[in-house]
């Protein structure tokens, strides 16, 4: 199930409107949420007329996603995130300790987005959705796993991630991002190239940064795996 950002998870029904916050504006990932931990992500590169995925997690293991938002360099970038099936819509039922953001760009130029999480302390489990006796409920939700490698000018980096145990790898992604408060010059995006390989249940992303990459860009590459329990 795809759910648009921003999302406040204490409501009884899911609001379906998207909220694209302009750069430098107020963000809403913690609006209406008490004891909220703000988790800003990096600026993730979105290719022209393309798509980018990025996995952002709550800190530690004792909080779950209660709200989301995003900032973009252009309103041509549209953001959504993957949620689990369940009722009522709330942290721990339709969200977990991380969120997989998906960005689609309608622009002919390189753009970027910054994912934002509002995390809340774990307060017990949630309920389950009901199904008819004549149909089968869906299988377990996919698990998303990622690994981040830091890049410096003129370097080559490798980011590796794999599904665990009996999990099956059903999808993968790679993302280039910059850990800065403000969006970095998008020219930096052309100074990092990546290639992705899948070996069994392992995803390997090789990233090469040119000497022209600014050291102030704080470039990273994320390798991601979609795993079916």
N, C-alpha and C. Protein backbone atom coordinates (compact mmCIF):
# COMPACT_ATOMS: atom_id res chain seq x y z
N UNK A 1 0.85 -1.18 0.00
CA UNK A 1 0.00 0.00 0.00
C UNK A 1 0.88 1.23 0.00
N UNK A 2 0.67 2.16 -0.90
CA UNK A 2 1.42 3.40 -0.96
C UNK A 2 0.68 4.48 -0.22
N UNK A 3 1.37 5.21 0.65
CA UNK A 3 0.77 6.27 1.43
C UNK A 3 1.55 7.54 1.16
N UNK A 4 0.87 8.65 0.86
CA UNK A 4 1.53 9.89 0.53
C UNK A 4 2.01 10.59 1.79
N UNK A 5 3.15 11.35 1.70
CA UNK A 5 3.58 12.18 2.81
C UNK A 5 2.98 13.55 2.61
N UNK A 6 2.78 14.38 3.70
CA UNK A 6 3.07 14.02 5.07
C UNK A 6 1.97 13.15 5.67
N UNK A 7 2.30 12.43 6.81
CA UNK A 7 1.38 11.49 7.41
C UNK A 7 1.46 11.61 8.90
N UNK A 8 0.34 11.82 9.59
CA UNK A 8 0.32 11.83 11.05
C UNK A 8 -0.41 10.59 11.50
N UNK A 9 0.32 9.72 12.22
CA UNK A 9 -0.17 8.37 12.42
C UNK A 9 -1.08 8.21 13.61
N UNK A 10 -1.47 9.27 14.31
CA UNK A 10 -2.38 9.12 15.43
C UNK A 10 -3.83 9.33 15.03
N UNK A 11 -4.11 9.59 13.76
CA UNK A 11 -5.48 9.75 13.31
C UNK A 11 -6.09 8.40 13.06
N UNK A 12 -7.43 8.32 13.06
CA UNK A 12 -8.10 7.05 12.88
C UNK A 12 -8.12 6.63 11.43
N UNK A 13 -8.07 7.58 10.49
CA UNK A 13 -8.08 7.26 9.07
C UNK A 13 -6.93 7.98 8.41
N UNK A 14 -6.43 7.40 7.34
CA UNK A 14 -5.26 7.94 6.67
C UNK A 14 -5.63 9.10 5.78
N UNK A 15 -4.92 10.25 5.93
CA UNK A 15 -5.12 11.39 5.03
C UNK A 15 -4.33 11.13 3.77
N UNK A 16 -4.97 11.29 2.63
CA UNK A 16 -4.35 10.91 1.37
C UNK A 16 -3.70 12.06 0.64
N UNK A 17 -3.67 13.24 1.21
CA UNK A 17 -3.10 14.39 0.51
C UNK A 17 -1.59 14.40 0.65
N UNK A 18 -0.91 14.80 -0.40
CA UNK A 18 0.54 14.92 -0.36
C UNK A 18 0.93 16.30 0.14
N UNK A 19 2.07 16.35 0.83
CA UNK A 19 2.58 17.63 1.30
C UNK A 19 4.02 17.75 0.88
N UNK A 20 4.31 18.64 -0.06
CA UNK A 20 5.65 18.86 -0.54
C UNK A 20 6.15 20.16 0.06
N UNK A 21 7.00 20.08 1.05
CA UNK A 21 7.46 21.28 1.75
C UNK A 21 8.55 21.96 0.95
N UNK A 22 8.45 23.27 0.69
CA UNK A 22 9.51 23.96 -0.01
C UNK A 22 10.76 24.02 0.85
N UNK A 23 11.93 24.07 0.19
CA UNK A 23 13.19 24.11 0.92
C UNK A 23 13.21 25.33 1.83
N UNK A 24 13.58 25.10 3.09
CA UNK A 24 13.67 26.18 4.05
C UNK A 24 12.38 26.46 4.78
N UNK A 25 11.28 25.80 4.38
CA UNK A 25 10.01 26.03 5.05
C UNK A 25 9.85 25.13 6.25
N UNK A 26 8.79 25.38 7.01
CA UNK A 26 8.51 24.54 8.17
C UNK A 26 8.12 23.15 7.70
N UNK A 27 8.60 22.14 8.40
CA UNK A 27 8.25 20.76 8.05
C UNK A 27 7.31 20.20 9.11
N UNK A 28 6.58 19.15 8.75
CA UNK A 28 5.43 18.70 9.55
C UNK A 28 5.55 17.29 10.09
N UNK A 29 6.74 16.70 10.09
CA UNK A 29 6.84 15.31 10.50
C UNK A 29 6.49 15.08 11.96
N UNK A 30 6.53 16.13 12.80
CA UNK A 30 6.20 15.98 14.22
C UNK A 30 4.92 16.72 14.60
N UNK A 31 4.21 17.24 13.63
CA UNK A 31 3.01 18.02 13.95
C UNK A 31 1.97 17.13 14.65
N UNK A 32 1.47 17.58 15.80
CA UNK A 32 0.43 16.86 16.53
C UNK A 32 0.91 15.63 17.26
N UNK A 33 2.22 15.41 17.32
CA UNK A 33 2.77 14.21 17.95
C UNK A 33 3.58 14.61 19.18
N UNK A 34 3.26 14.04 20.32
CA UNK A 34 4.01 14.31 21.53
C UNK A 34 5.24 13.41 21.58
N UNK A 35 6.25 13.85 22.30
CA UNK A 35 7.50 13.08 22.47
C UNK A 35 8.05 12.62 21.12
N UNK A 36 8.08 13.54 20.18
CA UNK A 36 8.50 13.21 18.82
C UNK A 36 9.99 13.45 18.63
N UNK A 37 10.65 12.51 17.99
CA UNK A 37 12.07 12.62 17.66
C UNK A 37 12.18 12.93 16.18
N UNK A 38 12.73 14.09 15.85
CA UNK A 38 12.90 14.47 14.45
C UNK A 38 14.15 13.79 13.88
N UNK A 39 13.99 13.17 12.72
CA UNK A 39 15.11 12.50 12.06
C UNK A 39 15.20 13.02 10.63
N UNK A 40 16.07 13.99 10.37
CA UNK A 40 16.25 14.47 9.00
C UNK A 40 17.18 13.55 8.22
N UNK A 41 16.81 13.24 7.01
CA UNK A 41 17.66 12.43 6.17
C UNK A 41 18.57 13.28 5.31
N UNK A 42 19.39 12.66 4.48
CA UNK A 42 20.27 13.40 3.57
C UNK A 42 19.49 13.89 2.35
N UNK A 43 20.13 14.67 1.51
CA UNK A 43 19.53 15.08 0.25
C UNK A 43 19.82 14.00 -0.79
N UNK A 44 18.76 13.35 -1.26
CA UNK A 44 18.88 12.20 -2.14
C UNK A 44 18.70 12.64 -3.59
N UNK A 45 19.61 12.21 -4.44
CA UNK A 45 19.58 12.59 -5.86
C UNK A 45 18.45 11.85 -6.57
N UNK A 46 17.67 12.61 -7.37
CA UNK A 46 16.63 12.03 -8.22
C UNK A 46 17.00 12.32 -9.67
N UNK A 47 17.22 11.30 -10.49
CA UNK A 47 17.64 11.55 -11.87
C UNK A 47 16.53 12.20 -12.70
N UNK A 48 16.89 12.85 -13.80
CA UNK A 48 15.87 13.47 -14.66
C UNK A 48 14.84 12.45 -15.14
N UNK A 49 13.57 12.79 -14.99
CA UNK A 49 12.48 11.90 -15.41
C UNK A 49 12.65 10.50 -14.81
N UNK A 50 13.22 10.45 -13.61
CA UNK A 50 13.53 9.15 -13.02
C UNK A 50 12.96 8.98 -11.63
N UNK A 51 13.41 7.93 -10.97
CA UNK A 51 12.91 7.54 -9.65
C UNK A 51 14.08 7.27 -8.72
N UNK A 52 13.90 7.56 -7.43
CA UNK A 52 14.92 7.26 -6.43
C UNK A 52 14.24 6.72 -5.18
N UNK A 53 14.89 5.76 -4.53
CA UNK A 53 14.43 5.20 -3.27
C UNK A 53 15.46 5.50 -2.19
N UNK A 54 14.97 5.70 -0.96
CA UNK A 54 15.89 5.88 0.16
C UNK A 54 15.22 5.38 1.43
N UNK A 55 15.96 4.57 2.21
CA UNK A 55 15.46 4.02 3.46
C UNK A 55 16.00 4.86 4.62
N UNK A 56 15.08 5.39 5.43
CA UNK A 56 15.45 6.21 6.59
C UNK A 56 14.87 5.57 7.84
N UNK A 57 15.67 5.43 8.87
CA UNK A 57 15.27 4.69 10.07
C UNK A 57 15.24 5.58 11.29
N UNK A 58 14.38 5.22 12.26
CA UNK A 58 14.36 5.86 13.56
C UNK A 58 15.60 5.44 14.35
N UNK A 59 16.08 6.27 15.26
CA UNK A 59 17.29 5.92 16.01
C UNK A 59 17.03 4.79 17.00
N UNK A 60 18.03 3.96 17.19
CA UNK A 60 17.90 2.86 18.15
C UNK A 60 16.86 1.85 17.72
N UNK A 61 16.35 1.08 18.69
CA UNK A 61 15.34 0.08 18.36
C UNK A 61 14.07 0.22 19.17
N UNK A 62 13.84 1.38 19.78
CA UNK A 62 12.70 1.55 20.67
C UNK A 62 11.74 2.64 20.22
N UNK A 63 11.76 2.96 18.93
CA UNK A 63 10.82 3.95 18.40
C UNK A 63 10.37 3.53 17.02
N UNK A 64 9.18 4.01 16.63
CA UNK A 64 8.62 3.71 15.32
C UNK A 64 8.21 5.01 14.66
N UNK A 65 7.97 4.93 13.35
CA UNK A 65 7.61 6.11 12.58
C UNK A 65 6.19 6.56 12.94
N UNK A 66 6.06 7.82 13.36
CA UNK A 66 4.75 8.38 13.67
C UNK A 66 4.34 9.48 12.72
N UNK A 67 5.28 10.04 11.98
CA UNK A 67 4.98 11.10 11.03
C UNK A 67 6.09 11.21 10.00
N UNK A 68 5.75 11.73 8.82
CA UNK A 68 6.73 11.86 7.75
C UNK A 68 6.51 13.18 7.02
N UNK A 69 7.56 13.65 6.42
CA UNK A 69 7.47 14.80 5.53
C UNK A 69 8.67 14.75 4.60
N UNK A 70 8.76 15.69 3.68
CA UNK A 70 9.90 15.74 2.77
C UNK A 70 10.07 17.16 2.27
N UNK A 71 11.31 17.50 1.94
CA UNK A 71 11.61 18.74 1.24
C UNK A 71 12.18 18.39 -0.12
N UNK A 72 11.91 19.23 -1.11
CA UNK A 72 12.32 18.95 -2.48
C UNK A 72 12.94 20.19 -3.10
N UNK A 73 13.77 19.97 -4.10
CA UNK A 73 14.36 21.09 -4.82
C UNK A 73 13.46 21.57 -5.95
N UNK A 74 12.41 20.83 -6.26
CA UNK A 74 11.45 21.22 -7.29
C UNK A 74 10.13 20.54 -7.00
N UNK A 75 9.03 21.22 -7.25
CA UNK A 75 7.71 20.61 -7.07
C UNK A 75 7.41 19.57 -8.15
N UNK A 76 8.32 19.42 -9.10
CA UNK A 76 8.19 18.33 -10.06
C UNK A 76 8.58 16.99 -9.45
N UNK A 77 9.11 17.02 -8.23
CA UNK A 77 9.46 15.78 -7.52
C UNK A 77 8.28 15.38 -6.63
N UNK A 78 7.77 14.19 -6.81
CA UNK A 78 6.61 13.68 -6.06
C UNK A 78 7.08 12.56 -5.14
N UNK A 79 6.62 12.61 -3.89
CA UNK A 79 7.12 11.69 -2.86
C UNK A 79 5.99 10.80 -2.33
N UNK A 80 6.31 9.55 -2.08
CA UNK A 80 5.40 8.63 -1.38
C UNK A 80 6.25 7.71 -0.51
N UNK A 81 5.58 6.87 0.29
CA UNK A 81 6.34 5.89 1.08
C UNK A 81 5.53 4.61 1.19
N UNK A 82 6.23 3.51 1.44
CA UNK A 82 5.59 2.21 1.59
C UNK A 82 5.10 2.03 3.01
N UNK A 83 3.85 1.59 3.16
CA UNK A 83 3.29 1.30 4.48
C UNK A 83 2.74 -0.13 4.49
N UNK A 84 2.56 -0.66 5.69
CA UNK A 84 2.02 -2.02 5.83
C UNK A 84 0.51 -1.98 5.93
N UNK A 85 -0.12 -3.07 5.56
CA UNK A 85 -1.57 -3.21 5.69
C UNK A 85 -1.92 -3.44 7.15
N UNK A 86 -2.92 -2.71 7.67
CA UNK A 86 -3.35 -2.89 9.05
C UNK A 86 -4.34 -1.83 9.46
N UNK A 87 -5.05 -2.09 10.55
CA UNK A 87 -6.03 -1.14 11.07
C UNK A 87 -6.03 -1.23 12.60
N UNK A 88 -6.20 -0.09 13.29
CA UNK A 88 -6.26 1.25 12.71
C UNK A 88 -4.90 1.71 12.23
N UNK A 89 -4.89 2.75 11.40
CA UNK A 89 -3.65 3.32 10.91
C UNK A 89 -2.94 4.00 12.07
N UNK A 90 -1.79 3.49 12.46
CA UNK A 90 -1.07 4.04 13.61
C UNK A 90 0.34 3.51 13.63
N UNK A 91 1.24 4.14 14.41
CA UNK A 91 2.60 3.64 14.52
C UNK A 91 2.63 2.20 15.02
N UNK A 92 3.48 1.39 14.45
CA UNK A 92 3.60 0.00 14.85
C UNK A 92 2.64 -0.93 14.13
N UNK A 93 1.62 -0.37 13.48
CA UNK A 93 0.68 -1.19 12.70
C UNK A 93 0.96 -1.00 11.22
N UNK A 94 0.78 0.22 10.74
CA UNK A 94 1.05 0.50 9.33
C UNK A 94 2.45 1.06 9.11
N UNK A 95 3.13 1.41 10.19
CA UNK A 95 4.52 1.84 10.08
C UNK A 95 5.38 0.98 10.99
N UNK A 96 6.67 1.05 10.75
CA UNK A 96 7.62 0.31 11.57
C UNK A 96 8.76 1.27 11.94
N UNK A 97 9.93 0.76 12.26
CA UNK A 97 11.00 1.63 12.74
C UNK A 97 11.70 2.37 11.61
N UNK A 98 11.32 2.09 10.38
CA UNK A 98 11.91 2.79 9.24
C UNK A 98 10.84 3.06 8.19
N UNK A 99 11.17 3.89 7.22
CA UNK A 99 10.26 4.16 6.10
C UNK A 99 11.07 4.18 4.81
N UNK A 100 10.52 3.53 3.78
CA UNK A 100 11.14 3.55 2.45
C UNK A 100 10.46 4.65 1.65
N UNK A 101 11.21 5.73 1.39
CA UNK A 101 10.70 6.85 0.60
C UNK A 101 10.92 6.58 -0.88
N UNK A 102 9.94 6.95 -1.69
CA UNK A 102 10.04 6.82 -3.14
C UNK A 102 9.81 8.19 -3.76
N UNK A 103 10.73 8.63 -4.59
CA UNK A 103 10.62 9.93 -5.27
C UNK A 103 10.57 9.70 -6.78
N UNK A 104 9.64 10.36 -7.43
CA UNK A 104 9.51 10.34 -8.88
C UNK A 104 9.64 11.77 -9.38
N UNK A 105 10.50 11.99 -10.36
CA UNK A 105 10.73 13.33 -10.88
C UNK A 105 10.14 13.48 -12.27
N UNK A 106 9.42 14.59 -12.47
CA UNK A 106 8.90 14.95 -13.79
C UNK A 106 9.80 15.96 -14.48
N UNK A 107 10.89 16.32 -13.82
CA UNK A 107 11.81 17.35 -14.32
C UNK A 107 12.80 16.75 -15.32
N UNK A 108 13.27 17.59 -16.23
CA UNK A 108 14.31 17.18 -17.17
C UNK A 108 15.70 17.40 -16.60
N UNK A 109 15.79 17.88 -15.37
CA UNK A 109 17.08 18.12 -14.74
C UNK A 109 17.21 17.27 -13.48
N UNK A 110 18.44 17.09 -13.04
CA UNK A 110 18.68 16.40 -11.76
C UNK A 110 18.04 17.20 -10.64
N UNK A 111 17.35 16.51 -9.74
CA UNK A 111 16.73 17.13 -8.58
C UNK A 111 17.14 16.35 -7.33
N UNK A 112 16.63 16.78 -6.18
CA UNK A 112 16.94 16.09 -4.93
C UNK A 112 15.79 16.26 -3.95
N UNK A 113 15.69 15.32 -3.01
CA UNK A 113 14.70 15.44 -1.95
C UNK A 113 15.33 15.04 -0.62
N UNK A 114 14.78 15.59 0.46
CA UNK A 114 15.24 15.25 1.80
C UNK A 114 14.10 14.56 2.55
N UNK A 115 14.22 13.27 2.86
CA UNK A 115 13.20 12.59 3.66
C UNK A 115 13.31 13.00 5.12
N UNK A 116 12.17 13.06 5.80
CA UNK A 116 12.12 13.47 7.21
C UNK A 116 11.20 12.54 7.97
N UNK A 117 11.64 12.08 9.14
CA UNK A 117 10.83 11.22 9.99
C UNK A 117 10.53 11.90 11.31
N UNK A 118 9.34 11.64 11.86
CA UNK A 118 9.00 11.95 13.24
C UNK A 118 8.79 10.63 13.96
N UNK A 119 9.67 10.28 14.87
CA UNK A 119 9.63 8.97 15.52
C UNK A 119 9.07 9.08 16.93
N UNK A 120 8.34 8.06 17.35
CA UNK A 120 7.71 8.05 18.67
C UNK A 120 8.11 6.78 19.40
N UNK A 121 8.14 6.81 20.75
CA UNK A 121 8.50 5.62 21.52
C UNK A 121 7.52 4.48 21.27
N UNK A 122 8.04 3.26 21.30
CA UNK A 122 7.20 2.08 21.13
C UNK A 122 6.24 1.97 22.31
N UNK A 123 4.94 1.76 22.00
CA UNK A 123 3.93 1.67 23.05
C UNK A 123 3.06 0.44 22.88
N UNK A 124 3.67 -0.67 22.51
CA UNK A 124 2.90 -1.91 22.35
C UNK A 124 2.52 -2.15 20.91
N UNK A 125 2.06 -3.36 20.63
CA UNK A 125 1.71 -3.75 19.28
C UNK A 125 0.35 -3.29 18.86
N UNK A 126 0.05 -3.45 17.58
CA UNK A 126 -1.23 -3.02 17.03
C UNK A 126 -2.07 -4.20 16.62
N UNK A 127 -3.19 -3.91 16.00
CA UNK A 127 -4.11 -4.97 15.59
C UNK A 127 -3.79 -5.50 14.22
N UNK A 128 -4.67 -6.33 13.71
CA UNK A 128 -4.52 -6.93 12.39
C UNK A 128 -5.75 -6.61 11.56
N UNK A 129 -5.54 -6.56 10.26
CA UNK A 129 -6.69 -6.36 9.38
C UNK A 129 -7.46 -7.67 9.26
N UNK A 130 -8.75 -7.60 9.01
CA UNK A 130 -9.58 -8.79 8.86
C UNK A 130 -9.80 -9.10 7.39
N UNK A 131 -10.02 -10.39 7.08
CA UNK A 131 -10.23 -10.81 5.71
C UNK A 131 -11.38 -11.81 5.67
N UNK A 132 -11.93 -11.98 4.48
CA UNK A 132 -13.02 -12.94 4.29
C UNK A 132 -12.48 -14.36 4.42
N UNK A 133 -13.37 -15.27 4.83
CA UNK A 133 -12.97 -16.67 4.96
C UNK A 133 -12.71 -17.31 3.60
N UNK A 134 -13.13 -16.65 2.53
CA UNK A 134 -13.00 -17.25 1.20
C UNK A 134 -11.74 -16.77 0.48
N UNK A 135 -10.97 -15.90 1.08
CA UNK A 135 -9.73 -15.45 0.47
C UNK A 135 -8.61 -15.55 1.48
N UNK A 136 -7.39 -15.51 0.99
CA UNK A 136 -6.23 -15.61 1.87
C UNK A 136 -5.71 -14.22 2.20
N UNK A 137 -5.25 -14.02 3.44
CA UNK A 137 -4.62 -12.74 3.78
C UNK A 137 -3.28 -12.63 3.08
N UNK A 138 -2.77 -11.43 2.89
CA UNK A 138 -1.45 -11.29 2.28
C UNK A 138 -0.37 -11.88 3.17
N UNK A 139 0.75 -12.23 2.56
CA UNK A 139 1.88 -12.72 3.32
C UNK A 139 2.51 -11.61 4.15
N UNK A 140 3.52 -11.94 4.89
CA UNK A 140 4.20 -10.96 5.72
C UNK A 140 4.72 -9.80 4.87
N UNK A 141 4.73 -8.62 5.46
CA UNK A 141 5.24 -7.45 4.75
C UNK A 141 6.72 -7.63 4.44
N UNK A 142 7.17 -6.99 3.36
CA UNK A 142 8.58 -7.03 3.02
C UNK A 142 9.42 -6.36 4.09
N UNK A 143 10.62 -6.84 4.25
CA UNK A 143 11.60 -6.20 5.11
C UNK A 143 12.56 -5.43 4.22
N UNK A 144 12.87 -4.20 4.62
CA UNK A 144 13.80 -3.37 3.84
C UNK A 144 15.09 -3.22 4.62
N UNK A 145 16.21 -3.46 3.96
CA UNK A 145 17.50 -3.37 4.60
C UNK A 145 18.42 -2.49 3.75
N UNK A 146 19.31 -1.78 4.41
CA UNK A 146 20.20 -0.87 3.67
C UNK A 146 21.55 -0.76 4.35
N UNK A 147 22.51 -0.30 3.58
CA UNK A 147 23.84 -0.02 4.09
C UNK A 147 24.37 1.23 3.39
N UNK A 148 25.01 2.12 4.14
CA UNK A 148 25.51 3.39 3.61
C UNK A 148 27.02 3.42 3.68
N UNK A 149 27.65 3.90 2.61
CA UNK A 149 29.09 4.09 2.55
C UNK A 149 29.39 5.56 2.26
N UNK A 150 30.37 6.11 2.97
CA UNK A 150 30.77 7.50 2.79
C UNK A 150 31.78 7.61 1.65
N UNK A 151 31.62 8.65 0.83
CA UNK A 151 32.52 8.88 -0.29
C UNK A 151 33.30 10.17 -0.08
N UNK A 152 34.55 10.19 -0.49
CA UNK A 152 35.35 11.40 -0.49
C UNK A 152 35.81 11.67 -1.92
N UNK A 153 36.23 12.89 -2.23
CA UNK A 153 36.66 13.18 -3.60
C UNK A 153 37.75 12.23 -4.07
N UNK A 154 37.56 11.71 -5.29
CA UNK A 154 38.55 10.81 -5.88
C UNK A 154 38.55 9.41 -5.33
N UNK A 155 37.52 9.02 -4.60
CA UNK A 155 37.51 7.70 -3.97
C UNK A 155 36.58 6.74 -4.70
N UNK A 156 36.78 5.45 -4.39
CA UNK A 156 35.88 4.39 -4.84
C UNK A 156 35.36 3.70 -3.59
N UNK A 157 34.03 3.57 -3.47
CA UNK A 157 33.43 2.94 -2.30
C UNK A 157 32.53 1.79 -2.67
N UNK A 158 32.38 0.85 -1.74
CA UNK A 158 31.52 -0.31 -1.95
C UNK A 158 30.51 -0.40 -0.82
N UNK A 159 29.25 -0.52 -1.17
CA UNK A 159 28.19 -0.68 -0.17
C UNK A 159 27.51 -2.01 -0.42
N UNK A 160 27.43 -2.83 0.63
CA UNK A 160 26.89 -4.18 0.49
C UNK A 160 25.79 -4.42 1.51
N UNK A 161 24.73 -5.09 1.08
CA UNK A 161 23.65 -5.47 1.99
C UNK A 161 23.04 -6.78 1.48
N UNK A 162 22.54 -7.60 2.39
CA UNK A 162 21.99 -8.90 2.00
C UNK A 162 20.76 -9.22 2.82
N UNK A 163 19.87 -10.02 2.27
CA UNK A 163 18.74 -10.54 3.03
C UNK A 163 19.25 -11.59 4.01
N UNK A 164 18.48 -11.82 5.07
CA UNK A 164 18.93 -12.68 6.15
C UNK A 164 18.24 -14.03 6.12
N UNK A 165 18.92 -15.02 6.68
CA UNK A 165 18.33 -16.34 6.90
C UNK A 165 17.62 -16.89 5.67
N UNK A 166 16.32 -17.19 5.84
CA UNK A 166 15.54 -17.77 4.74
C UNK A 166 14.82 -16.71 3.90
N UNK A 167 15.09 -15.45 4.16
CA UNK A 167 14.47 -14.39 3.36
C UNK A 167 14.88 -14.52 1.89
N UNK A 168 13.99 -14.06 1.01
CA UNK A 168 14.27 -14.03 -0.42
C UNK A 168 14.44 -12.59 -0.88
N UNK A 169 15.45 -12.34 -1.68
CA UNK A 169 15.65 -11.02 -2.25
C UNK A 169 14.67 -10.83 -3.41
N UNK A 170 13.80 -9.84 -3.32
CA UNK A 170 12.79 -9.62 -4.36
C UNK A 170 12.97 -8.28 -5.07
N UNK A 171 13.87 -7.45 -4.58
CA UNK A 171 14.11 -6.16 -5.21
C UNK A 171 15.32 -5.49 -4.59
N UNK A 172 15.84 -4.46 -5.26
CA UNK A 172 17.02 -3.77 -4.75
C UNK A 172 17.05 -2.36 -5.30
N UNK A 173 17.89 -1.53 -4.69
CA UNK A 173 18.07 -0.17 -5.19
C UNK A 173 19.43 0.35 -4.77
N UNK A 174 19.82 1.46 -5.38
CA UNK A 174 20.99 2.22 -4.95
C UNK A 174 20.63 3.69 -5.00
N UNK A 175 21.24 4.48 -4.13
CA UNK A 175 20.94 5.91 -4.06
C UNK A 175 22.20 6.69 -3.76
N UNK A 176 22.32 7.85 -4.41
CA UNK A 176 23.38 8.80 -4.11
C UNK A 176 22.76 9.92 -3.28
N UNK A 177 23.42 10.33 -2.22
CA UNK A 177 22.86 11.37 -1.37
C UNK A 177 23.98 12.21 -0.76
N UNK A 178 23.58 13.37 -0.20
CA UNK A 178 24.53 14.29 0.39
C UNK A 178 24.04 14.69 1.76
N UNK A 179 24.87 14.50 2.78
CA UNK A 179 24.50 14.78 4.16
C UNK A 179 24.77 16.25 4.50
N UNK A 180 23.90 17.10 4.02
CA UNK A 180 24.00 18.53 4.29
C UNK A 180 22.64 19.04 4.75
N UNK A 181 22.65 20.14 5.51
CA UNK A 181 21.39 20.71 5.99
C UNK A 181 20.60 21.34 4.85
N UNK A 182 21.31 22.00 3.96
CA UNK A 182 20.69 22.61 2.79
C UNK A 182 21.01 21.77 1.57
N UNK A 183 20.21 21.86 0.53
CA UNK A 183 20.51 21.08 -0.67
C UNK A 183 21.85 21.50 -1.26
N UNK A 184 22.73 20.56 -1.56
CA UNK A 184 24.03 20.90 -2.13
C UNK A 184 23.87 21.29 -3.60
N UNK A 185 24.89 21.91 -4.18
CA UNK A 185 24.83 22.16 -5.63
C UNK A 185 24.58 20.85 -6.37
N UNK A 186 23.57 20.83 -7.21
CA UNK A 186 23.20 19.58 -7.87
C UNK A 186 24.24 19.14 -8.89
N UNK A 187 25.19 20.02 -9.20
CA UNK A 187 26.29 19.61 -10.07
C UNK A 187 27.12 18.50 -9.42
N UNK A 188 27.08 18.41 -8.09
CA UNK A 188 27.80 17.33 -7.41
C UNK A 188 27.26 15.96 -7.79
N UNK A 189 25.99 15.90 -8.18
CA UNK A 189 25.38 14.61 -8.52
C UNK A 189 26.06 13.98 -9.73
N UNK A 190 26.57 14.81 -10.64
CA UNK A 190 27.23 14.28 -11.83
C UNK A 190 28.65 13.82 -11.54
N UNK A 191 29.15 14.10 -10.35
CA UNK A 191 30.52 13.74 -9.99
C UNK A 191 30.59 12.43 -9.21
N UNK A 192 29.45 11.76 -9.09
CA UNK A 192 29.40 10.44 -8.45
C UNK A 192 28.68 9.48 -9.40
N UNK A 193 29.30 8.37 -9.71
CA UNK A 193 28.67 7.35 -10.55
C UNK A 193 28.58 6.05 -9.76
N UNK A 194 27.54 5.27 -10.04
CA UNK A 194 27.34 4.01 -9.33
C UNK A 194 27.01 2.88 -10.30
N UNK A 195 27.33 1.68 -9.89
CA UNK A 195 26.89 0.47 -10.58
C UNK A 195 26.44 -0.53 -9.53
N UNK A 196 25.42 -1.30 -9.86
CA UNK A 196 24.83 -2.24 -8.89
C UNK A 196 24.90 -3.66 -9.43
N UNK A 197 25.24 -4.59 -8.56
CA UNK A 197 25.27 -6.00 -8.91
C UNK A 197 24.51 -6.78 -7.84
N UNK A 198 23.82 -7.83 -8.27
CA UNK A 198 23.09 -8.71 -7.36
C UNK A 198 23.70 -10.11 -7.47
N UNK A 199 24.18 -10.62 -6.33
CA UNK A 199 24.77 -11.95 -6.27
C UNK A 199 24.01 -12.76 -5.22
N UNK A 200 23.14 -13.66 -5.67
CA UNK A 200 22.32 -14.41 -4.73
C UNK A 200 21.40 -13.49 -3.96
N UNK A 201 21.57 -13.43 -2.64
CA UNK A 201 20.76 -12.56 -1.80
C UNK A 201 21.50 -11.28 -1.42
N UNK A 202 22.63 -11.02 -2.06
CA UNK A 202 23.46 -9.87 -1.72
C UNK A 202 23.38 -8.81 -2.81
N UNK A 203 23.29 -7.54 -2.37
CA UNK A 203 23.30 -6.39 -3.28
C UNK A 203 24.61 -5.65 -3.05
N UNK A 204 25.36 -5.41 -4.14
CA UNK A 204 26.65 -4.73 -4.06
C UNK A 204 26.59 -3.50 -4.95
N UNK A 205 26.84 -2.34 -4.37
CA UNK A 205 26.86 -1.09 -5.14
C UNK A 205 28.28 -0.54 -5.10
N UNK A 206 28.83 -0.30 -6.29
CA UNK A 206 30.15 0.32 -6.42
C UNK A 206 29.95 1.78 -6.80
N UNK A 207 30.57 2.68 -6.07
CA UNK A 207 30.43 4.12 -6.31
C UNK A 207 31.80 4.74 -6.53
N UNK A 208 31.89 5.59 -7.53
CA UNK A 208 33.13 6.28 -7.84
C UNK A 208 32.89 7.78 -7.78
N UNK A 209 33.68 8.48 -6.98
CA UNK A 209 33.59 9.93 -6.86
C UNK A 209 34.77 10.57 -7.58
N UNK A 210 34.50 11.56 -8.42
CA UNK A 210 35.56 12.24 -9.14
C UNK A 210 36.32 13.20 -8.23
N UNK A 211 37.48 13.63 -8.69
CA UNK A 211 38.26 14.59 -7.91
C UNK A 211 37.53 15.93 -7.78
N UNK A 212 36.59 16.19 -8.70
CA UNK A 212 35.86 17.45 -8.68
C UNK A 212 34.74 17.52 -7.66
N UNK A 213 34.47 16.41 -6.99
CA UNK A 213 33.42 16.40 -5.96
C UNK A 213 33.85 17.27 -4.79
N UNK A 214 32.95 18.14 -4.34
CA UNK A 214 33.26 19.00 -3.20
C UNK A 214 33.31 18.17 -1.92
N UNK A 215 34.33 18.40 -1.10
CA UNK A 215 34.42 17.69 0.17
C UNK A 215 33.30 18.12 1.10
N UNK A 216 32.76 19.32 0.88
CA UNK A 216 31.67 19.82 1.71
C UNK A 216 30.32 19.20 1.34
N UNK A 217 30.30 18.39 0.27
CA UNK A 217 29.04 17.75 -0.13
C UNK A 217 28.68 16.59 0.78
N UNK A 218 29.68 16.00 1.46
CA UNK A 218 29.46 14.86 2.37
C UNK A 218 28.66 13.76 1.66
N UNK A 219 29.21 13.30 0.55
CA UNK A 219 28.51 12.33 -0.30
C UNK A 219 28.47 10.95 0.33
N UNK A 220 27.36 10.26 0.12
CA UNK A 220 27.19 8.88 0.54
C UNK A 220 26.49 8.11 -0.57
N UNK A 221 26.61 6.79 -0.52
CA UNK A 221 25.84 5.92 -1.40
C UNK A 221 25.15 4.87 -0.55
N UNK A 222 23.88 4.62 -0.84
CA UNK A 222 23.11 3.62 -0.10
C UNK A 222 22.80 2.43 -1.01
N UNK A 223 23.08 1.23 -0.51
CA UNK A 223 22.65 0.00 -1.16
C UNK A 223 21.44 -0.52 -0.40
N UNK A 224 20.39 -0.92 -1.12
CA UNK A 224 19.17 -1.36 -0.47
C UNK A 224 18.67 -2.68 -0.99
N UNK A 225 18.04 -3.44 -0.10
CA UNK A 225 17.50 -4.75 -0.46
C UNK A 225 16.07 -4.88 0.03
N UNK A 226 15.17 -5.38 -0.82
CA UNK A 226 13.80 -5.70 -0.45
C UNK A 226 13.74 -7.21 -0.22
N UNK A 227 13.43 -7.61 1.00
CA UNK A 227 13.52 -9.02 1.40
C UNK A 227 12.15 -9.55 1.81
N UNK A 228 11.78 -10.70 1.29
CA UNK A 228 10.52 -11.34 1.63
C UNK A 228 10.77 -12.41 2.69
N UNK A 229 10.13 -12.27 3.89
CA UNK A 229 10.32 -13.28 4.93
C UNK A 229 9.81 -14.65 4.50
